[in-house]
Amino acid sequence: MDFQSHCFATHLLEQGTQTVILQKMFGHKSIRTTARYIHISNDAISKVVSPADAVLQ
């Protein structure tokens, strides 16, 4: 697997591109193959807002 492909896929995912779109762009038959290219940063995880947070506030 190519380092640039990993960076490219991760960047697109962080910009909001759906995983299924990445799968089509890379020409993968399986979403599992695409998932190997995606690396989610801790920063991206910390930005996720839970719907429960709105209810609790």
PDB file of N, CA and C in Angstrom:
ATOM      1  N   MET A   1       0.837  -1.177   0.000  1.00  0.00           N
ATOM      2  CA  MET A   1       0.000   0.000   0.000  1.00  0.00           C
ATOM      3  C   MET A   1       0.884   1.243   0.000  1.00  0.00           C
ATOM      4  N   ASP A   2       0.477   2.182  -0.720  1.00  0.00           N
ATOM      5  CA  ASP A   2       1.259   3.390  -0.934  1.00  0.00           C
ATOM      6  C   ASP A   2       0.940   4.449   0.123  1.00  0.00           C
ATOM      7  N   PHE A   3       1.977   5.059   0.688  1.00  0.00           N
ATOM      8  CA  PHE A   3       1.819   6.091   1.724  1.00  0.00           C
ATOM      9  C   PHE A   3       0.938   7.239   1.236  1.00  0.00           C
ATOM     10  N   GLN A   4       1.136   7.659  -0.017  1.00  0.00           N
ATOM     11  CA  GLN A   4       0.346   8.774  -0.555  1.00  0.00           C
ATOM     12  C   GLN A   4      -1.135   8.419  -0.640  1.00  0.00           C
ATOM     13  N   SER A   5      -1.426   7.177  -0.966  1.00  0.00           N
ATOM     14  CA  SER A   5      -2.826   6.749  -1.026  1.00  0.00           C
ATOM     15  C   SER A   5      -3.471   6.784   0.350  1.00  0.00           C
ATOM     16  N   HIS A   6      -2.714   6.384   1.370  1.00  0.00           N
ATOM     17  CA  HIS A   6      -3.228   6.436   2.741  1.00  0.00           C
ATOM     18  C   HIS A   6      -3.527   7.885   3.134  1.00  0.00           C
ATOM     19  N   CYS A   7      -2.595   8.779   2.849  1.00  0.00           N
ATOM     20  CA  CYS A   7      -2.779  10.201   3.180  1.00  0.00           C
ATOM     21  C   CYS A   7      -3.959  10.792   2.419  1.00  0.00           C
ATOM     22  N   PHE A   8      -4.051  10.469   1.133  1.00  0.00           N
ATOM     23  CA  PHE A   8      -5.118  10.979   0.282  1.00  0.00           C
ATOM     24  C   PHE A   8      -6.483  10.533   0.808  1.00  0.00           C
ATOM     25  N   ALA A   9      -6.616   9.244   1.095  1.00  0.00           N
ATOM     26  CA  ALA A   9      -7.889   8.710   1.581  1.00  0.00           C
ATOM     27  C   ALA A   9      -8.259   9.318   2.926  1.00  0.00           C
ATOM     28  N   THR A  10      -7.293   9.424   3.817  1.00  0.00           N
ATOM     29  CA  THR A  10      -7.544   9.986   5.141  1.00  0.00           C
ATOM     30  C   THR A  10      -7.954  11.450   5.039  1.00  0.00           C
ATOM     31  N   HIS A  11      -7.268  12.200   4.200  1.00  0.00           N
ATOM     32  CA  HIS A  11      -7.590  13.622   4.021  1.00  0.00           C
ATOM     33  C   HIS A  11      -9.015  13.788   3.487  1.00  0.00           C
ATOM     34  N   LEU A  12      -9.369  13.012   2.480  1.00  0.00           N
ATOM     35  CA  LEU A  12     -10.720  13.115   1.919  1.00  0.00           C
ATOM     36  C   LEU A  12     -11.779  12.742   2.948  1.00  0.00           C
ATOM     37  N   LEU A  13     -11.515  11.709   3.727  1.00  0.00           N
ATOM     38  CA  LEU A  13     -12.460  11.306   4.761  1.00  0.00           C
ATOM     39  C   LEU A  13     -12.648  12.420   5.783  1.00  0.00           C
ATOM     40  N   GLU A  14     -11.557  13.040   6.200  1.00  0.00           N
ATOM     41  CA  GLU A  14     -11.633  14.128   7.178  1.00  0.00           C
ATOM     42  C   GLU A  14     -12.347  15.354   6.610  1.00  0.00           C
ATOM     43  N   GLN A  15     -12.380  15.479   5.289  1.00  0.00           N
ATOM     44  CA  GLN A  15     -13.086  16.588   4.650  1.00  0.00           C
ATOM     45  C   GLN A  15     -14.561  16.264   4.405  1.00  0.00           C
ATOM     46  N   GLY A  16     -14.981  15.056   4.811  1.00  0.00           N
ATOM     47  CA  GLY A  16     -16.391  14.705   4.719  1.00  0.00           C
ATOM     48  C   GLY A  16     -16.769  13.758   3.596  1.00  0.00           C
ATOM     49  N   THR A  17     -15.803  13.269   2.844  1.00  0.00           N
ATOM     50  CA  THR A  17     -16.097  12.330   1.763  1.00  0.00           C
ATOM     51  C   THR A  17     -16.548  11.003   2.360  1.00  0.00           C
ATOM     52  N   GLN A  18     -17.633  10.467   1.860  1.00  0.00           N
ATOM     53  CA  GLN A  18     -18.150   9.200   2.360  1.00  0.00           C
ATOM     54  C   GLN A  18     -17.219   8.054   1.965  1.00  0.00           C
ATOM     55  N   THR A  19     -17.150   7.052   2.820  1.00  0.00           N
ATOM     56  CA  THR A  19     -16.273   5.908   2.584  1.00  0.00           C
ATOM     57  C   THR A  19     -16.620   5.197   1.279  1.00  0.00           C
ATOM     58  N   VAL A  20     -17.904   5.096   0.969  1.00  0.00           N
ATOM     59  CA  VAL A  20     -18.312   4.419  -0.260  1.00  0.00           C
ATOM     60  C   VAL A  20     -17.818   5.178  -1.503  1.00  0.00           C
ATOM     61  N   ILE A  21     -17.724   6.499  -1.412  1.00  0.00           N
ATOM     62  CA  ILE A  21     -17.179   7.300  -2.514  1.00  0.00           C
ATOM     63  C   ILE A  21     -15.692   7.003  -2.672  1.00  0.00           C
ATOM     64  N   LEU A  22     -14.976   6.918  -1.541  1.00  0.00           N
ATOM     65  CA  LEU A  22     -13.552   6.562  -1.598  1.00  0.00           C
ATOM     66  C   LEU A  22     -13.371   5.189  -2.232  1.00  0.00           C
ATOM     67  N   GLN A  23     -14.243   4.262  -1.879  1.00  0.00           N
ATOM     68  CA  GLN A  23     -14.180   2.917  -2.445  1.00  0.00           C
ATOM     69  C   GLN A  23     -14.267   2.974  -3.968  1.00  0.00           C
ATOM     70  N   LYS A  24     -15.198   3.738  -4.479  1.00  0.00           N
ATOM     71  CA  LYS A  24     -15.358   3.876  -5.935  1.00  0.00           C
ATOM     72  C   LYS A  24     -14.149   4.559  -6.562  1.00  0.00           C
ATOM     73  N   MET A  25     -13.632   5.606  -5.897  1.00  0.00           N
ATOM     74  CA  MET A  25     -12.479   6.337  -6.428  1.00  0.00           C
ATOM     75  C   MET A  25     -11.245   5.442  -6.533  1.00  0.00           C
ATOM     76  N   PHE A  26     -11.050   4.587  -5.526  1.00  0.00           N
ATOM     77  CA  PHE A  26      -9.896   3.699  -5.512  1.00  0.00           C
ATOM     78  C   PHE A  26     -10.111   2.450  -6.363  1.00  0.00           C
ATOM     79  N   GLY A  27     -11.358   2.210  -6.756  1.00  0.00           N
ATOM     80  CA  GLY A  27     -11.654   1.038  -7.572  1.00  0.00           C
ATOM     81  C   GLY A  27     -11.667  -0.262  -6.781  1.00  0.00           C
ATOM     82  N   HIS A  28     -11.960  -0.161  -5.494  1.00  0.00           N
ATOM     83  CA  HIS A  28     -11.987  -1.346  -4.642  1.00  0.00           C
ATOM     84  C   HIS A  28     -13.331  -2.047  -4.756  1.00  0.00           C
ATOM     85  N   LYS A  29     -13.297  -3.371  -4.795  1.00  0.00           N
ATOM     86  CA  LYS A  29     -14.536  -4.143  -4.804  1.00  0.00           C
ATOM     87  C   LYS A  29     -15.119  -4.257  -3.403  1.00  0.00           C
ATOM     88  N   SER A  30     -14.244  -4.233  -2.405  1.00  0.00           N
ATOM     89  CA  SER A  30     -14.671  -4.404  -1.020  1.00  0.00           C
ATOM     90  C   SER A  30     -14.397  -3.140  -0.210  1.00  0.00           C
ATOM     91  N   ILE A  31     -15.346  -2.775   0.627  1.00  0.00           N
ATOM     92  CA  ILE A  31     -15.175  -1.626   1.515  1.00  0.00           C
ATOM     93  C   ILE A  31     -14.074  -1.914   2.534  1.00  0.00           C
ATOM     94  N   ARG A  32     -13.833  -3.190   2.820  1.00  0.00           N
ATOM     95  CA  ARG A  32     -12.762  -3.570   3.752  1.00  0.00           C
ATOM     96  C   ARG A  32     -11.395  -3.167   3.205  1.00  0.00           C
ATOM     97  N   THR A  33     -11.226  -3.269   1.913  1.00  0.00           N
ATOM     98  CA  THR A  33      -9.965  -2.853   1.302  1.00  0.00           C
ATOM     99  C   THR A  33      -9.782  -1.353   1.479  1.00  0.00           C
ATOM    100  N   THR A  34     -10.831  -0.601   1.241  1.00  0.00           N
ATOM    101  CA  THR A  34     -10.779   0.853   1.404  1.00  0.00           C
ATOM    102  C   THR A  34     -10.474   1.217   2.852  1.00  0.00           C
ATOM    103  N   ALA A  35     -11.058   0.496   3.783  1.00  0.00           N
ATOM    104  CA  ALA A  35     -10.859   0.781   5.210  1.00  0.00           C
ATOM    105  C   ALA A  35      -9.395   0.673   5.614  1.00  0.00           C
ATOM    106  N   ARG A  36      -8.622  -0.138   4.921  1.00  0.00           N
ATOM    107  CA  ARG A  36      -7.193  -0.267   5.241  1.00  0.00           C
ATOM    108  C   ARG A  36      -6.420   1.000   4.896  1.00  0.00           C
ATOM    109  N   TYR A  37      -6.972   1.833   4.043  1.00  0.00           N
ATOM    110  CA  TYR A  37      -6.301   3.067   3.627  1.00  0.00           C
ATOM    111  C   TYR A  37      -6.642   4.248   4.528  1.00  0.00           C
ATOM    112  N   ILE A  38      -7.655   4.098   5.349  1.00  0.00           N
ATOM    113  CA  ILE A  38      -8.153   5.204   6.159  1.00  0.00           C
ATOM    114  C   ILE A  38      -7.566   5.144   7.564  1.00  0.00           C
ATOM    115  N   HIS A  39      -7.030   6.259   8.002  1.00  0.00           N
ATOM    116  CA  HIS A  39      -6.481   6.372   9.349  1.00  0.00           C
ATOM    117  C   HIS A  39      -7.125   7.585  10.008  1.00  0.00           C
ATOM    118  N   ILE A  40      -7.882   7.341  11.049  1.00  0.00           N
ATOM    119  CA  ILE A  40      -8.611   8.415  11.708  1.00  0.00           C
ATOM    120  C   ILE A  40      -7.764   8.971  12.845  1.00  0.00           C
ATOM    121  N   SER A  41      -7.572  10.269  12.814  1.00  0.00           N
ATOM    122  CA  SER A  41      -6.739  10.918  13.831  1.00  0.00           C
ATOM    123  C   SER A  41      -7.522  11.119  15.126  1.00  0.00           C
ATOM    124  N   ASN A  42      -6.802  11.240  16.220  1.00  0.00           N
ATOM    125  CA  ASN A  42      -7.430  11.536  17.509  1.00  0.00           C
ATOM    126  C   ASN A  42      -8.143  12.880  17.463  1.00  0.00           C
ATOM    127  N   ASP A  43      -7.601  13.825  16.700  1.00  0.00           N
ATOM    128  CA  ASP A  43      -8.222  15.141  16.553  1.00  0.00           C
ATOM    129  C   ASP A  43      -9.603  15.009  15.910  1.00  0.00           C
ATOM    130  N   ALA A  44      -9.707  14.169  14.882  1.00  0.00           N
ATOM    131  CA  ALA A  44     -10.992  13.960  14.215  1.00  0.00           C
ATOM    132  C   ALA A  44     -11.999  13.328  15.172  1.00  0.00           C
ATOM    133  N   ILE A  45     -11.532  12.398  15.986  1.00  0.00           N
ATOM    134  CA  ILE A  45     -12.418  11.742  16.951  1.00  0.00           C
ATOM    135  C   ILE A  45     -12.918  12.742  17.987  1.00  0.00           C
ATOM    136  N   SER A  46     -12.040  13.613  18.446  1.00  0.00           N
ATOM    137  CA  SER A  46     -12.434  14.575  19.481  1.00  0.00           C
ATOM    138  C   SER A  46     -13.425  15.617  18.970  1.00  0.00           C
ATOM    139  N   LYS A  47     -13.523  15.789  17.663  1.00  0.00           N
ATOM    140  CA  LYS A  47     -14.447  16.768  17.087  1.00  0.00           C
ATOM    141  C   LYS A  47     -15.859  16.217  16.891  1.00  0.00           C
ATOM    142  N   VAL A  48     -16.031  14.915  17.080  1.00  0.00           N
ATOM    143  CA  VAL A  48     -17.344  14.303  16.906  1.00  0.00           C
ATOM    144  C   VAL A  48     -18.248  14.752  18.043  1.00  0.00           C
ATOM    145  N   VAL A  49     -19.439  15.207  17.673  1.00  0.00           N
ATOM    146  CA  VAL A  49     -20.408  15.684  18.655  1.00  0.00           C
ATOM    147  C   VAL A  49     -21.499  14.633  18.799  1.00  0.00           C
ATOM    148  N   SER A  50     -21.727  14.216  20.004  1.00  0.00           N
ATOM    149  CA  SER A  50     -22.759  13.226  20.282  1.00  0.00           C
ATOM    150  C   SER A  50     -24.122  13.906  20.345  1.00  0.00           C
ATOM    151  N   PRO A  51     -25.145  13.305  19.742  1.00  0.00           N
ATOM    152  CA  PRO A  51     -26.492  13.869  19.853  1.00  0.00           C
ATOM    153  C   PRO A  51     -26.950  13.941  21.310  1.00  0.00           C
ATOM    154  N   ALA A  52     -26.436  13.067  22.145  1.00  0.00           N
ATOM    155  CA  ALA A  52     -26.802  13.067  23.561  1.00  0.00           C
ATOM    156  C   ALA A  52     -26.313  14.334  24.260  1.00  0.00           C
ATOM    157  N   ASP A  53     -25.213  14.911  23.783  1.00  0.00           N
ATOM    158  CA  ASP A  53     -24.698  16.141  24.381  1.00  0.00           C
ATOM    159  C   ASP A  53     -25.728  17.269  24.310  1.00  0.00           C
ATOM    160  N   ALA A  54     -26.438  17.368  23.207  1.00  0.00           N
ATOM    161  CA  ALA A  54     -27.441  18.420  23.040  1.00  0.00           C
ATOM    162  C   ALA A  54     -28.615  18.208  23.995  1.00  0.00           C
ATOM    163  N   VAL A  55     -28.975  16.969  24.218  1.00  0.00           N
ATOM    164  CA  VAL A  55     -30.090  16.648  25.107  1.00  0.00           C
ATOM    165  C   VAL A  55     -29.728  16.950  26.558  1.00  0.00           C
ATOM    166  N   LEU A  56     -28.490  16.667  26.913  1.00  0.00           N
ATOM    167  CA  LEU A  56     -28.054  16.832  28.299  1.00  0.00           C
ATOM    168  C   LEU A  56     -27.789  18.283  28.680  1.00  0.00           C
ATOM    169  N   GLN A  57     -27.667  19.157  27.705  1.00  0.00           N
ATOM    170  CA  GLN A  57     -27.356  20.560  28.012  1.00  0.00           C
ATOM    171  C   GLN A  57     -28.581  21.415  28.060  1.00  0.00           C
TER     172      GLN A  57
END
